[in-house]
C-alpha cells in the first residue's frame, strides 16, 4: 500500500491506520486474512507537501517505522518497495 502524505503527522497516522483497517475488513468479508507480519504487508508513505518531512521523521524515527491501526494491527512502514528485484523508492527527494 502506498499513501500520499500531504498532512501533519497525527492526521497522516489516523488516515493511514483507518485505511489499512478498511482494507483488512473488506478482505475479511471475502474470506481473506491479511498477514501483518514484517515483510508480508507493508505501507509505503510517499512525501508531498510542506509538512511531509516532519511527518516522515515522526513515522520512521519516533514511531520506529510502525503504524498501529485503530483495530490494533501493526503495519511496518518501508522507504522503498521491492518486487521481483525491482526497487521503487517512496520519493525521489
C-alpha atoms as a PDB file:
ATOM      1  CA  UNK A   1       0.000   0.000   0.000  1.00  0.00           C
ATOM      2  CA  UNK A   2       1.282   3.439  -0.798  1.00  0.00           C
ATOM      3  CA  UNK A   3      -0.030   6.554   0.949  1.00  0.00           C
ATOM      4  CA  UNK A   4       0.493  10.127  -0.173  1.00  0.00           C
ATOM      5  CA  UNK A   5       1.392  12.268   2.863  1.00  0.00           C
ATOM      6  CA  UNK A   6       0.115  15.816   2.460  1.00  0.00           C
ATOM      7  CA  UNK A   7      -0.803  16.404   6.105  1.00  0.00           C
ATOM      8  CA  UNK A   8       0.706  16.598   9.562  1.00  0.00           C
ATOM      9  CA  UNK A   9       1.881  13.507  11.471  1.00  0.00           C
ATOM     10  CA  UNK A  10      -1.194  12.974  13.630  1.00  0.00           C
ATOM     11  CA  UNK A  11      -3.662  13.220  10.763  1.00  0.00           C
ATOM     12  CA  UNK A  12      -1.463  11.098   8.472  1.00  0.00           C
ATOM     13  CA  UNK A  13      -1.264   8.287  11.037  1.00  0.00           C
ATOM     14  CA  UNK A  14      -5.020   8.401  11.670  1.00  0.00           C
ATOM     15  CA  UNK A  15      -5.811   8.395   7.953  1.00  0.00           C
ATOM     16  CA  UNK A  16      -3.370   5.605   7.069  1.00  0.00           C
ATOM     17  CA  UNK A  17      -4.455   3.460  10.020  1.00  0.00           C
ATOM     18  CA  UNK A  18      -8.133   3.798   9.146  1.00  0.00           C
ATOM     19  CA  UNK A  19      -7.372   2.942   5.507  1.00  0.00           C
ATOM     20  CA  UNK A  20      -5.473  -0.204   6.474  1.00  0.00           C
ATOM     21  CA  UNK A  21      -8.335  -1.328   8.739  1.00  0.00           C
ATOM     22  CA  UNK A  22     -10.865  -0.655   5.988  1.00  0.00           C
ATOM     23  CA  UNK A  23      -8.872  -2.753   3.521  1.00  0.00           C
ATOM     24  CA  UNK A  24      -8.455  -5.517   6.103  1.00  0.00           C
ATOM     25  CA  UNK A  25     -12.236  -5.613   6.798  1.00  0.00           C
ATOM     26  CA  UNK A  26     -13.076  -5.679   3.084  1.00  0.00           C
ATOM     27  CA  UNK A  27     -10.706  -8.596   2.516  1.00  0.00           C
ATOM     28  CA  UNK A  28     -12.040 -10.452   5.582  1.00  0.00           C
ATOM     29  CA  UNK A  29     -15.582 -10.191   4.183  1.00  0.00           C
ATOM     30  CA  UNK A  30     -14.282 -12.115   1.177  1.00  0.00           C
ATOM     31  CA  UNK A  31     -12.630 -14.775   3.306  1.00  0.00           C
ATOM     32  CA  UNK A  32      -9.074 -13.446   3.044  1.00  0.00           C
ATOM     33  CA  UNK A  33      -6.791 -12.935   6.034  1.00  0.00           C
ATOM     34  CA  UNK A  34      -4.180 -10.169   5.986  1.00  0.00           C
ATOM     35  CA  UNK A  35      -0.755 -11.229   7.273  1.00  0.00           C
ATOM     36  CA  UNK A  36       0.608  -8.233   9.177  1.00  0.00           C
ATOM     37  CA  UNK A  37       3.996  -9.839   9.910  1.00  0.00           C
ATOM     38  CA  UNK A  38       7.070  -7.851   8.951  1.00  0.00           C
ATOM     39  CA  UNK A  39       7.904  -8.312   5.268  1.00  0.00           C
ATOM     40  CA  UNK A  40       4.432  -9.563   4.343  1.00  0.00           C
ATOM     41  CA  UNK A  41       2.207  -6.477   4.150  1.00  0.00           C
ATOM     42  CA  UNK A  42       3.779  -3.071   4.436  1.00  0.00           C
ATOM     43  CA  UNK A  43       2.851   0.537   3.847  1.00  0.00           C
ATOM     44  CA  UNK A  44       4.997   2.995   1.945  1.00  0.00           C
ATOM     45  CA  UNK A  45       4.304   6.637   2.839  1.00  0.00           C
ATOM     46  CA  UNK A  46       5.092   8.977  -0.062  1.00  0.00           C
ATOM     47  CA  UNK A  47       6.236  12.506   0.805  1.00  0.00           C
ATOM     48  CA  UNK A  48       4.415  15.520  -0.584  1.00  0.00           C
ATOM     49  CA  UNK A  49       3.621  18.965   0.753  1.00  0.00           C
ATOM     50  CA  UNK A  50       5.097  21.369   3.278  1.00  0.00           C
ATOM     51  CA  UNK A  51       4.795  19.148   6.397  1.00  0.00           C
ATOM     52  CA  UNK A  52       5.911  15.912   4.784  1.00  0.00           C
ATOM     53  CA  UNK A  53       9.428  15.979   6.271  1.00  0.00           C
ATOM     54  CA  UNK A  54       8.029  16.337   9.806  1.00  0.00           C
ATOM     55  CA  UNK A  55       5.532  13.570   9.152  1.00  0.00           C
ATOM     56  CA  UNK A  56       8.196  11.257   7.739  1.00  0.00           C
ATOM     57  CA  UNK A  57      10.503  11.909  10.704  1.00  0.00           C
ATOM     58  CA  UNK A  58       7.758  11.083  13.195  1.00  0.00           C
ATOM     59  CA  UNK A  59       6.710   7.924  11.350  1.00  0.00           C
ATOM     60  CA  UNK A  60      10.174   6.492  10.751  1.00  0.00           C
ATOM     61  CA  UNK A  61      12.131   7.726  13.782  1.00  0.00           C
ATOM     62  CA  UNK A  62       9.728   8.306  16.680  1.00  0.00           C
ATOM     63  CA  UNK A  63       7.289   5.526  15.745  1.00  0.00           C
ATOM     64  CA  UNK A  64      10.111   3.165  14.691  1.00  0.00           C
ATOM     65  CA  UNK A  65       8.623   2.612  11.207  1.00  0.00           C
ATOM     66  CA  UNK A  66       5.467   1.051  12.593  1.00  0.00           C
ATOM     67  CA  UNK A  67       1.881   2.156  12.231  1.00  0.00           C
ATOM     68  CA  UNK A  68      -0.651   0.964  14.792  1.00  0.00           C
ATOM     69  CA  UNK A  69      -4.159   0.966  13.350  1.00  0.00           C
ATOM     70  CA  UNK A  70      -7.334   1.717  15.359  1.00  0.00           C
ATOM     71  CA  UNK A  71      -8.141  -2.036  15.280  1.00  0.00           C
ATOM     72  CA  UNK A  72      -4.761  -2.789  16.883  1.00  0.00           C
ATOM     73  CA  UNK A  73      -2.955  -4.123  13.828  1.00  0.00           C
ATOM     74  CA  UNK A  74       0.687  -3.129  13.385  1.00  0.00           C
ATOM     75  CA  UNK A  75       1.852  -2.341   9.858  1.00  0.00           C
ATOM     76  CA  UNK A  76       5.524  -1.972   9.015  1.00  0.00           C
ATOM     77  CA  UNK A  77       6.437   1.198   7.124  1.00  0.00           C
ATOM     78  CA  UNK A  78       9.044   0.987   4.379  1.00  0.00           C
ATOM     79  CA  UNK A  79      11.036   3.582   2.445  1.00  0.00           C
ATOM     80  CA  UNK A  80      11.026   1.534  -0.747  1.00  0.00           C
ATOM     81  CA  UNK A  81       9.092  -1.318  -2.302  1.00  0.00           C
ATOM     82  CA  UNK A  82      10.859  -4.254  -3.888  1.00  0.00           C
ATOM     83  CA  UNK A  83       9.063  -6.709  -6.171  1.00  0.00           C
ATOM     84  CA  UNK A  84      10.852  -9.270  -8.298  1.00  0.00           C
ATOM     85  CA  UNK A  85      14.114  -7.397  -7.903  1.00  0.00           C
ATOM     86  CA  UNK A  86      12.729  -4.014  -8.967  1.00  0.00           C
ATOM     87  CA  UNK A  87      13.006  -1.302  -6.314  1.00  0.00           C
ATOM     88  CA  UNK A  88      10.549   1.583  -6.145  1.00  0.00           C
ATOM     89  CA  UNK A  89      11.599   4.351  -3.724  1.00  0.00           C
ATOM     90  CA  UNK A  90       8.904   6.183  -1.767  1.00  0.00           C
ATOM     91  CA  UNK A  91      10.188   9.502  -3.084  1.00  0.00           C
ATOM     92  CA  UNK A  92      12.941  10.940  -5.167  1.00  0.00           C
ATOM     93  CA  UNK A  93      13.998  13.606  -2.671  1.00  0.00           C
END
